[in-house]
PDB file of N, CA and C in Angstrom:
ATOM      1  N   MET A   1     103.695 107.134  88.214  1.00  0.00           N
ATOM      2  CA  MET A   1     102.237 107.779  88.445  1.00  0.00           C
ATOM      3  C   MET A   1     102.558 108.525  86.960  1.00  0.00           C
ATOM      4  N   ARG A   2     101.254 108.574  86.787  1.00  0.00           N
ATOM      5  CA  ARG A   2     100.638 108.756  85.445  1.00  0.00           C
ATOM      6  C   ARG A   2     100.353 110.508  85.639  1.00  0.00           C
ATOM      7  N   MET A   3     100.925 111.413  84.358  1.00  0.00           N
ATOM      8  CA  MET A   3     100.667 112.754  84.678  1.00  0.00           C
ATOM      9  C   MET A   3      99.697 113.256  83.337  1.00  0.00           C
ATOM     10  N   LEU A   4      98.894 113.792  83.618  1.00  0.00           N
ATOM     11  CA  LEU A   4      97.939 114.295  82.746  1.00  0.00           C
ATOM     12  C   LEU A   4      97.902 115.586  82.756  1.00  0.00           C
ATOM     13  N   TYR A   5      98.133 116.263  81.781  1.00  0.00           N
ATOM     14  CA  TYR A   5      97.747 117.766  81.023  1.00  0.00           C
ATOM     15  C   TYR A   5      96.651 118.322  80.004  1.00  0.00           C
ATOM     16  N   PHE A   6      95.912 119.244  80.389  1.00  0.00           N
ATOM     17  CA  PHE A   6      94.787 119.638  79.776  1.00  0.00           C
ATOM     18  C   PHE A   6      94.825 121.272  79.534  1.00  0.00           C
ATOM     19  N   ALA A   7      94.590 121.276  77.911  1.00  0.00           N
ATOM     20  CA  ALA A   7      94.519 122.811  77.871  1.00  0.00           C
ATOM     21  C   ALA A   7      95.851 123.810  77.401  1.00  0.00           C
ATOM     22  N   TRP A   8      96.143 124.851  77.903  1.00  0.00           N
ATOM     23  CA  TRP A   8      97.339 125.504  77.900  1.00  0.00           C
ATOM     24  C   TRP A   8      98.371 124.799  78.730  1.00  0.00           C
ATOM     25  N   VAL A   9      98.113 124.237  79.773  1.00  0.00           N
ATOM     26  CA  VAL A   9      99.145 123.553  80.607  1.00  0.00           C
ATOM     27  C   VAL A   9      99.600 122.685  79.093  1.00  0.00           C
ATOM     28  N   ARG A  10      98.739 121.656  78.241  1.00  0.00           N
ATOM     29  CA  ARG A  10      99.240 120.812  77.744  1.00  0.00           C
ATOM     30  C   ARG A  10     100.260 121.294  76.608  1.00  0.00           C
ATOM     31  N   GLU A  11      99.706 122.429  76.173  1.00  0.00           N
ATOM     32  CA  GLU A  11     100.406 122.867  75.042  1.00  0.00           C
ATOM     33  C   GLU A  11     101.807 123.475  75.847  1.00  0.00           C
ATOM     34  N   LEU A  12     101.802 123.655  76.488  1.00  0.00           N
ATOM     35  CA  LEU A  12     103.133 124.277  76.992  1.00  0.00           C
ATOM     36  C   LEU A  12     103.991 123.371  77.779  1.00  0.00           C
ATOM     37  N   VAL A  13     103.416 122.515  78.145  1.00  0.00           N
ATOM     38  CA  VAL A  13     104.357 121.350  78.656  1.00  0.00           C
ATOM     39  C   VAL A  13     104.903 120.625  77.106  1.00  0.00           C
ATOM     40  N   GLY A  14     103.831 120.460  76.475  1.00  0.00           N
ATOM     41  CA  GLY A  14     104.144 119.542  74.629  1.00  0.00           C
ATOM     42  C   GLY A  14     104.076 118.984  74.482  1.00  0.00           C
ATOM     43  N   VAL A  15     103.025 117.758  75.862  1.00  0.00           N
ATOM     44  CA  VAL A  15     102.905 116.428  75.958  1.00  0.00           C
ATOM     45  C   VAL A  15     101.123 116.534  76.730  1.00  0.00           C
ATOM     46  N   ASP A  16     100.703 115.839  76.427  1.00  0.00           N
ATOM     47  CA  ASP A  16      99.231 114.965  77.292  1.00  0.00           C
ATOM     48  C   ASP A  16      99.195 114.495  78.174  1.00  0.00           C
ATOM     49  N   GLU A  17     100.118 113.787  78.478  1.00  0.00           N
ATOM     50  CA  GLU A  17     100.381 112.792  79.616  1.00  0.00           C
ATOM     51  C   GLU A  17     102.027 112.374  79.498  1.00  0.00           C
ATOM     52  N   GLU A  18     102.120 111.776  80.685  1.00  0.00           N
ATOM     53  CA  GLU A  18     103.755 111.338  80.761  1.00  0.00           C
ATOM     54  C   GLU A  18     103.768 110.172  82.164  1.00  0.00           C
ATOM     55  N   ARG A  19     104.465 109.310  82.225  1.00  0.00           N
ATOM     56  CA  ARG A  19     105.067 108.599  83.450  1.00  0.00           C
ATOM     57  C   ARG A  19     106.306 109.691  84.174  1.00  0.00           C
ATOM     58  N   VAL A  20     106.110 109.281  85.606  1.00  0.00           N
ATOM     59  CA  VAL A  20     106.996 110.501  85.896  1.00  0.00           C
ATOM     60  C   VAL A  20     107.401 109.536  87.831  1.00  0.00           C
ATOM     61  N   SER A  21     108.286 109.500  88.017  1.00  0.00           N
ATOM     62  CA  SER A  21     108.664 108.994  89.413  1.00  0.00           C
ATOM     63  C   SER A  21     109.459 109.910  90.408  1.00  0.00           C
ATOM     64  N   PRO A  22     108.945 110.466  90.723  1.00  0.00           N
ATOM     65  CA  PRO A  22     108.870 111.952  91.556  1.00  0.00           C
ATOM     66  C   PRO A  22     110.406 111.470  92.972  1.00  0.00           C
ATOM     67  N   PRO A  23     110.552 112.096  93.317  1.00  0.00           N
ATOM     68  CA  PRO A  23     111.741 111.341  94.702  1.00  0.00           C
ATOM     69  C   PRO A  23     111.170 111.493  95.729  1.00  0.00           C
ATOM     70  N   PRO A  24     111.369 111.065  96.870  1.00  0.00           N
ATOM     71  CA  PRO A  24     110.722 111.209  97.963  1.00  0.00           C
ATOM     72  C   PRO A  24     110.418 112.222  98.771  1.00  0.00           C
ATOM     73  N   GLU A  25     111.070 113.332  98.544  1.00  0.00           N
ATOM     74  CA  GLU A  25     110.561 114.688  99.192  1.00  0.00           C
ATOM     75  C   GLU A  25     109.706 115.258  98.582  1.00  0.00           C
ATOM     76  N   VAL A  26     109.010 114.493  97.278  1.00  0.00           N
ATOM     77  CA  VAL A  26     107.576 115.339  96.353  1.00  0.00           C
ATOM     78  C   VAL A  26     106.680 114.613  97.528  1.00  0.00           C
ATOM     79  N   VAL A  27     105.812 115.552  98.095  1.00  0.00           N
ATOM     80  CA  VAL A  27     104.885 115.016  99.055  1.00  0.00           C
ATOM     81  C   VAL A  27     103.496 115.573  98.847  1.00  0.00           C
ATOM     82  N   THR A  28     103.233 116.636  98.515  1.00  0.00           N
ATOM     83  CA  THR A  28     102.451 117.714  97.533  1.00  0.00           C
ATOM     84  C   THR A  28     102.122 117.596  96.022  1.00  0.00           C
ATOM     85  N   VAL A  29     100.925 117.951  95.932  1.00  0.00           N
ATOM     86  CA  VAL A  29     100.597 119.069  94.617  1.00  0.00           C
ATOM     87  C   VAL A  29     101.699 119.864  94.335  1.00  0.00           C
ATOM     88  N   ALA A  30     101.871 120.696  95.002  1.00  0.00           N
ATOM     89  CA  ALA A  30     102.414 121.850  94.837  1.00  0.00           C
ATOM     90  C   ALA A  30     103.782 121.471  94.701  1.00  0.00           C
ATOM     91  N   ASP A  31     104.742 120.386  95.938  1.00  0.00           N
ATOM     92  CA  ASP A  31     105.842 119.970  95.544  1.00  0.00           C
ATOM     93  C   ASP A  31     106.234 119.396  93.911  1.00  0.00           C
ATOM     94  N   LEU A  32     104.871 118.475  93.603  1.00  0.00           N
ATOM     95  CA  LEU A  32     105.341 117.750  92.455  1.00  0.00           C
ATOM     96  C   LEU A  32     105.213 118.913  91.660  1.00  0.00           C
ATOM     97  N   VAL A  33     104.251 119.936  91.348  1.00  0.00           N
ATOM     98  CA  VAL A  33     104.611 121.508  90.371  1.00  0.00           C
ATOM     99  C   VAL A  33     105.753 121.820  90.404  1.00  0.00           C
ATOM    100  N   ARG A  34     106.222 121.863  91.390  1.00  0.00           N
ATOM    101  CA  ARG A  34     107.821 122.378  91.435  1.00  0.00           C
ATOM    102  C   ARG A  34     108.755 121.840  90.996  1.00  0.00           C
ATOM    103  N   TRP A  35     108.675 119.925  91.201  1.00  0.00           N
ATOM    104  CA  TRP A  35     109.481 119.475  90.863  1.00  0.00           C
ATOM    105  C   TRP A  35     109.451 119.148  89.295  1.00  0.00           C
ATOM    106  N   LEU A  36     108.540 119.344  88.610  1.00  0.00           N
ATOM    107  CA  LEU A  36     107.947 119.042  87.431  1.00  0.00           C
ATOM    108  C   LEU A  36     108.739 120.175  86.419  1.00  0.00           C
ATOM    109  N   ALA A  37     108.384 121.680  87.106  1.00  0.00           N
ATOM    110  CA  ALA A  37     109.066 122.817  86.701  1.00  0.00           C
ATOM    111  C   ALA A  37     110.281 122.424  86.225  1.00  0.00           C
ATOM    112  N   ALA A  38     111.028 121.636  86.764  1.00  0.00           N
ATOM    113  CA  ALA A  38     112.673 121.523  86.592  1.00  0.00           C
ATOM    114  C   ALA A  38     112.674 120.775  85.381  1.00  0.00           C
ATOM    115  N   ARG A  39     111.748 119.829  85.160  1.00  0.00           N
ATOM    116  CA  ARG A  39     112.017 118.753  83.851  1.00  0.00           C
ATOM    117  C   ARG A  39     112.051 119.317  82.461  1.00  0.00           C
ATOM    118  N   SER A  40     111.706 120.484  82.041  1.00  0.00           N
ATOM    119  CA  SER A  40     111.969 121.099  80.722  1.00  0.00           C
ATOM    120  C   SER A  40     111.420 122.740  80.523  1.00  0.00           C
ATOM    121  N   GLU A  41     112.100 123.376  79.717  1.00  0.00           N
ATOM    122  CA  GLU A  41     111.852 124.804  79.473  1.00  0.00           C
ATOM    123  C   GLU A  41     109.770 124.884  79.003  1.00  0.00           C
ATOM    124  N   GLY A  42     109.377 123.600  78.502  1.00  0.00           N
ATOM    125  CA  GLY A  42     107.627 123.885  78.718  1.00  0.00           C
ATOM    126  C   GLY A  42     107.009 123.653  79.808  1.00  0.00           C
ATOM    127  N   HIS A  43     107.460 122.652  80.406  1.00  0.00           N
ATOM    128  CA  HIS A  43     106.999 122.531  82.017  1.00  0.00           C
ATOM    129  C   HIS A  43     107.414 123.688  82.648  1.00  0.00           C
ATOM    130  N   ALA A  44     108.693 124.357  82.299  1.00  0.00           N
ATOM    131  CA  ALA A  44     109.071 125.172  83.917  1.00  0.00           C
ATOM    132  C   ALA A  44     107.753 126.634  83.075  1.00  0.00           C
ATOM    133  N   ARG A  45     107.608 127.054  81.923  1.00  0.00           N
ATOM    134  CA  ARG A  45     106.743 127.953  81.179  1.00  0.00           C
ATOM    135  C   ARG A  45     105.240 127.399  82.225  1.00  0.00           C
ATOM    136  N   ALA A  46     104.698 126.599  81.846  1.00  0.00           N
ATOM    137  CA  ALA A  46     103.396 126.263  81.977  1.00  0.00           C
ATOM    138  C   ALA A  46     103.667 125.860  83.621  1.00  0.00           C
ATOM    139  N   LEU A  47     104.180 125.399  84.474  1.00  0.00           N
ATOM    140  CA  LEU A  47     104.120 125.660  85.965  1.00  0.00           C
ATOM    141  C   LEU A  47     104.453 126.911  86.848  1.00  0.00           C
ATOM    142  N   ALA A  48     105.290 127.719  85.614  1.00  0.00           N
ATOM    143  CA  ALA A  48     105.453 128.664  86.331  1.00  0.00           C
ATOM    144  C   ALA A  48     104.940 129.555  87.747  1.00  0.00           C
ATOM    145  N   ASP A  49     103.510 129.483  87.436  1.00  0.00           N
ATOM    146  CA  ASP A  49     102.388 130.241  88.216  1.00  0.00           C
ATOM    147  C   ASP A  49     101.640 129.384  89.108  1.00  0.00           C
ATOM    148  N   PRO A  50     101.953 128.443  89.760  1.00  0.00           N
ATOM    149  CA  PRO A  50     100.610 127.291  90.998  1.00  0.00           C
ATOM    150  C   PRO A  50      99.687 127.985  90.569  1.00  0.00           C
ATOM    151  N   ALA A  51      99.539 129.583  91.354  1.00  0.00           N
ATOM    152  CA  ALA A  51      98.037 129.958  91.568  1.00  0.00           C
ATOM    153  C   ALA A  51      97.435 129.786  90.169  1.00  0.00           C
ATOM    154  N   ARG A  52      97.849 129.517  89.064  1.00  0.00           N
ATOM    155  CA  ARG A  52      97.089 129.534  87.713  1.00  0.00           C
ATOM    156  C   ARG A  52      96.570 128.097  87.802  1.00  0.00           C
ATOM    157  N   LEU A  53      96.891 127.057  88.241  1.00  0.00           N
ATOM    158  CA  LEU A  53      96.489 125.995  88.339  1.00  0.00           C
ATOM    159  C   LEU A  53      95.525 124.975  88.827  1.00  0.00           C
ATOM    160  N   ARG A  54      94.739 124.061  88.750  1.00  0.00           N
ATOM    161  CA  ARG A  54      93.832 123.375  89.267  1.00  0.00           C
ATOM    162  C   ARG A  54      94.360 121.831  89.430  1.00  0.00           C
ATOM    163  N   ALA A  55      94.286 121.225  90.343  1.00  0.00           N
ATOM    164  CA  ALA A  55      94.645 119.784  90.092  1.00  0.00           C
ATOM    165  C   ALA A  55      93.661 118.619  90.404  1.00  0.00           C
ATOM    166  N   ALA A  56      93.684 117.117  89.905  1.00  0.00           N
ATOM    167  CA  ALA A  56      93.135 116.111  90.815  1.00  0.00           C
ATOM    168  C   ALA A  56      93.977 115.215  90.893  1.00  0.00           C
ATOM    169  N   VAL A  57      93.617 114.267  92.088  1.00  0.00           N
ATOM    170  CA  VAL A  57      94.581 113.295  91.982  1.00  0.00           C
ATOM    171  C   VAL A  57      93.752 112.029  92.086  1.00  0.00           C
ATOM    172  N   ASP A  58      93.893 111.024  91.574  1.00  0.00           N
ATOM    173  CA  ASP A  58      93.422 109.978  90.883  1.00  0.00           C
ATOM    174  C   ASP A  58      91.515 110.124  90.876  1.00  0.00           C
ATOM    175  N   GLN A  59      91.898 111.405  89.854  1.00  0.00           N
ATOM    176  CA  GLN A  59      90.226 111.840  89.224  1.00  0.00           C
ATOM    177  C   GLN A  59      89.386 112.510  90.389  1.00  0.00           C
ATOM    178  N   ALA A  60      89.900 112.996  91.555  1.00  0.00           N
ATOM    179  CA  ALA A  60      89.222 113.828  92.179  1.00  0.00           C
ATOM    180  C   ALA A  60      89.651 115.029  92.825  1.00  0.00           C
ATOM    181  N   PHE A  61      89.323 116.371  92.357  1.00  0.00           N
ATOM    182  CA  PHE A  61      89.907 117.497  92.684  1.00  0.00           C
ATOM    183  C   PHE A  61      90.612 117.906  94.157  1.00  0.00           C
ATOM    184  N   VAL A  62      91.548 118.565  94.101  1.00  0.00           N
ATOM    185  CA  VAL A  62      92.199 118.678  95.513  1.00  0.00           C
ATOM    186  C   VAL A  62      93.018 119.951  95.473  1.00  0.00           C
ATOM    187  N   PRO A  63      93.440 120.524  96.706  1.00  0.00           N
ATOM    188  CA  PRO A  63      93.798 121.642  96.679  1.00  0.00           C
ATOM    189  C   PRO A  63      95.539 121.241  96.131  1.00  0.00           C
ATOM    190  N   LEU A  64      96.023 122.082  96.220  1.00  0.00           N
ATOM    191  CA  LEU A  64      97.921 122.416  95.851  1.00  0.00           C
ATOM    192  C   LEU A  64      98.063 121.426  96.880  1.00  0.00           C
ATOM    193  N   ASP A  65      97.938 121.661  98.207  1.00  0.00           N
ATOM    194  CA  ASP A  65      98.454 121.258  98.912  1.00  0.00           C
ATOM    195  C   ASP A  65      98.409 119.621  99.516  1.00  0.00           C
ATOM    196  N   ALA A  66      97.627 118.905  98.965  1.00  0.00           N
ATOM    197  CA  ALA A  66      97.226 117.701  98.739  1.00  0.00           C
ATOM    198  C   ALA A  66      98.090 116.623  98.833  1.00  0.00           C
ATOM    199  N   ALA A  67      98.183 115.847  99.045  1.00  0.00           N
ATOM    200  CA  ALA A  67      99.095 114.479  99.408  1.00  0.00           C
ATOM    201  C   ALA A  67      99.315 113.740  98.055  1.00  0.00           C
ATOM    202  N   VAL A  68     100.177 113.432  97.587  1.00  0.00           N
ATOM    203  CA  VAL A  68     100.779 112.699  96.069  1.00  0.00           C
ATOM    204  C   VAL A  68     100.862 111.403  96.841  1.00  0.00           C
ATOM    205  N   ARG A  69     101.512 111.019  97.468  1.00  0.00           N
ATOM    206  CA  ARG A  69     101.743 109.896  97.917  1.00  0.00           C
ATOM    207  C   ARG A  69     101.021 108.724  97.627  1.00  0.00           C
ATOM    208  N   GLY A  70     101.752 108.059  96.514  1.00  0.00           N
ATOM    209  CA  GLY A  70     100.375 106.633  96.567  1.00  0.00           C
ATOM    210  C   GLY A  70      99.368 106.467  95.627  1.00  0.00           C
ATOM    211  N   ALA A  71      99.564 107.821  94.691  1.00  0.00           N
ATOM    212  CA  ALA A  71      98.940 108.415  93.610  1.00  0.00           C
ATOM    213  C   ALA A  71      99.346 107.614  92.307  1.00  0.00           C
ATOM    214  N   GLY A  72      98.075 107.249  91.785  1.00  0.00           N
ATOM    215  CA  GLY A  72      98.245 106.536  90.395  1.00  0.00           C
ATOM    216  C   GLY A  72      98.645 107.681  89.380  1.00  0.00           C
ATOM    217  N   GLU A  73      97.659 108.582  89.637  1.00  0.00           N
ATOM    218  CA  GLU A  73      97.194 109.694  88.323  1.00  0.00           C
ATOM    219  C   GLU A  73      97.037 110.761  89.081  1.00  0.00           C
ATOM    220  N   VAL A  74      98.190 112.023  88.381  1.00  0.00           N
ATOM    221  CA  VAL A  74      97.852 113.360  89.026  1.00  0.00           C
ATOM    222  C   VAL A  74      97.469 113.922  87.722  1.00  0.00           C
ATOM    223  N   ALA A  75      96.551 115.278  87.584  1.00  0.00           N
ATOM    224  CA  ALA A  75      96.019 115.653  86.321  1.00  0.00           C
ATOM    225  C   ALA A  75      96.292 117.513  86.661  1.00  0.00           C
ATOM    226  N   LEU A  76      96.768 118.260  86.000  1.00  0.00           N
ATOM    227  CA  LEU A  76      96.908 119.700  86.342  1.00  0.00           C
ATOM    228  C   LEU A  76      96.436 120.275  84.599  1.00  0.00           C
ATOM    229  N   PHE A  77      95.446 121.238  85.124  1.00  0.00           N
ATOM    230  CA  PHE A  77      94.579 121.914  84.551  1.00  0.00           C
ATOM    231  C   PHE A  77      94.636 123.380  84.657  1.00  0.00           C
ATOM    232  N   PRO A  78      94.038 124.178  84.067  1.00  0.00           N
ATOM    233  CA  PRO A  78      93.619 125.778  84.757  1.00  0.00           C
ATOM    234  C   PRO A  78      92.297 125.457  84.969  1.00  0.00           C
ATOM    235  N   PRO A  79      91.928 126.520  85.730  1.00  0.00           N
ATOM    236  CA  PRO A  79      90.481 126.688  86.343  1.00  0.00           C
ATOM    237  C   PRO A  79      89.405 126.477  84.990  1.00  0.00           C
ATOM    238  N   VAL A  80      88.177 126.035  85.725  1.00  0.00           N
ATOM    239  CA  VAL A  80      87.653 125.801  84.710  1.00  0.00           C
ATOM    240  C   VAL A  80      86.084 126.476  84.634  1.00  0.00           C
ATOM    241  N   THR A  81      85.671 127.135  83.508  1.00  0.00           N
ATOM    242  CA  THR A  81      84.824 128.204  83.664  1.00  0.00           C
ATOM    243  C   THR A  81      83.843 127.712  82.477  1.00  0.00           C
ATOM    244  N   GLY A  82      82.461 127.776  83.332  1.00  0.00           N
ATOM    245  CA  GLY A  82      81.251 127.562  82.763  1.00  0.00           C
ATOM    246  C   GLY A  82      80.452 128.497  81.954  1.00  0.00           C
ATOM    247  N   GLY A  83      79.201 128.324  81.023  1.00  0.00           N
ATOM    248  CA  GLY A  83      78.539 129.508  80.589  1.00  0.00           C
ATOM    249  C   GLY A  83      77.451 129.300  80.039  1.00  0.00           C
TER     250      GLY A  83
END
């Protein structure tokens, strides 16, 4: 699965994208966030408060309880605001 990180999430993780192979128990975006948080200190800092994150699975905005099984791409980013 291809992970994409944007804005301050990218800065804290330290990369804009990476390939990951989550274990079978990772079923939802929230599970994925918890699993990713254990990958490094940067991941842990960026993903410490999932309520501050938004997600897209295969380029469609989804809630954190959305399924990720079979997804080719998951993006994590802060809430988007307009002006």
